[in-house]
């Protein structure tokens, strides 16, 4: 059986870029385990970054162009709410 390569997916900044995925690879349990692990890692990073934003002083937020309201809006989002992930 010949593996059919799917179009490579774009890689977001800071994400691990993967080689083109084949049909056979997509059926592999290890492939899905890696996808789940990557998603959980991303969610953990998002939660940590949102907590770090909340810890910044108003002066530091002003330096990066954010208001306290911006930070609170971002921090109130659920950890799985990730605008960078394209379904």
Foldseek 3Di string as FASTA:
>chain_A
DDWDWDDADDDDPPGDGDDTDTPVNVVDPVSVVVVVVSLVVQLVVLQVVLVVLQPDDQVVCVVVPHGNVRSVVSNPDHSNPDPVDDD
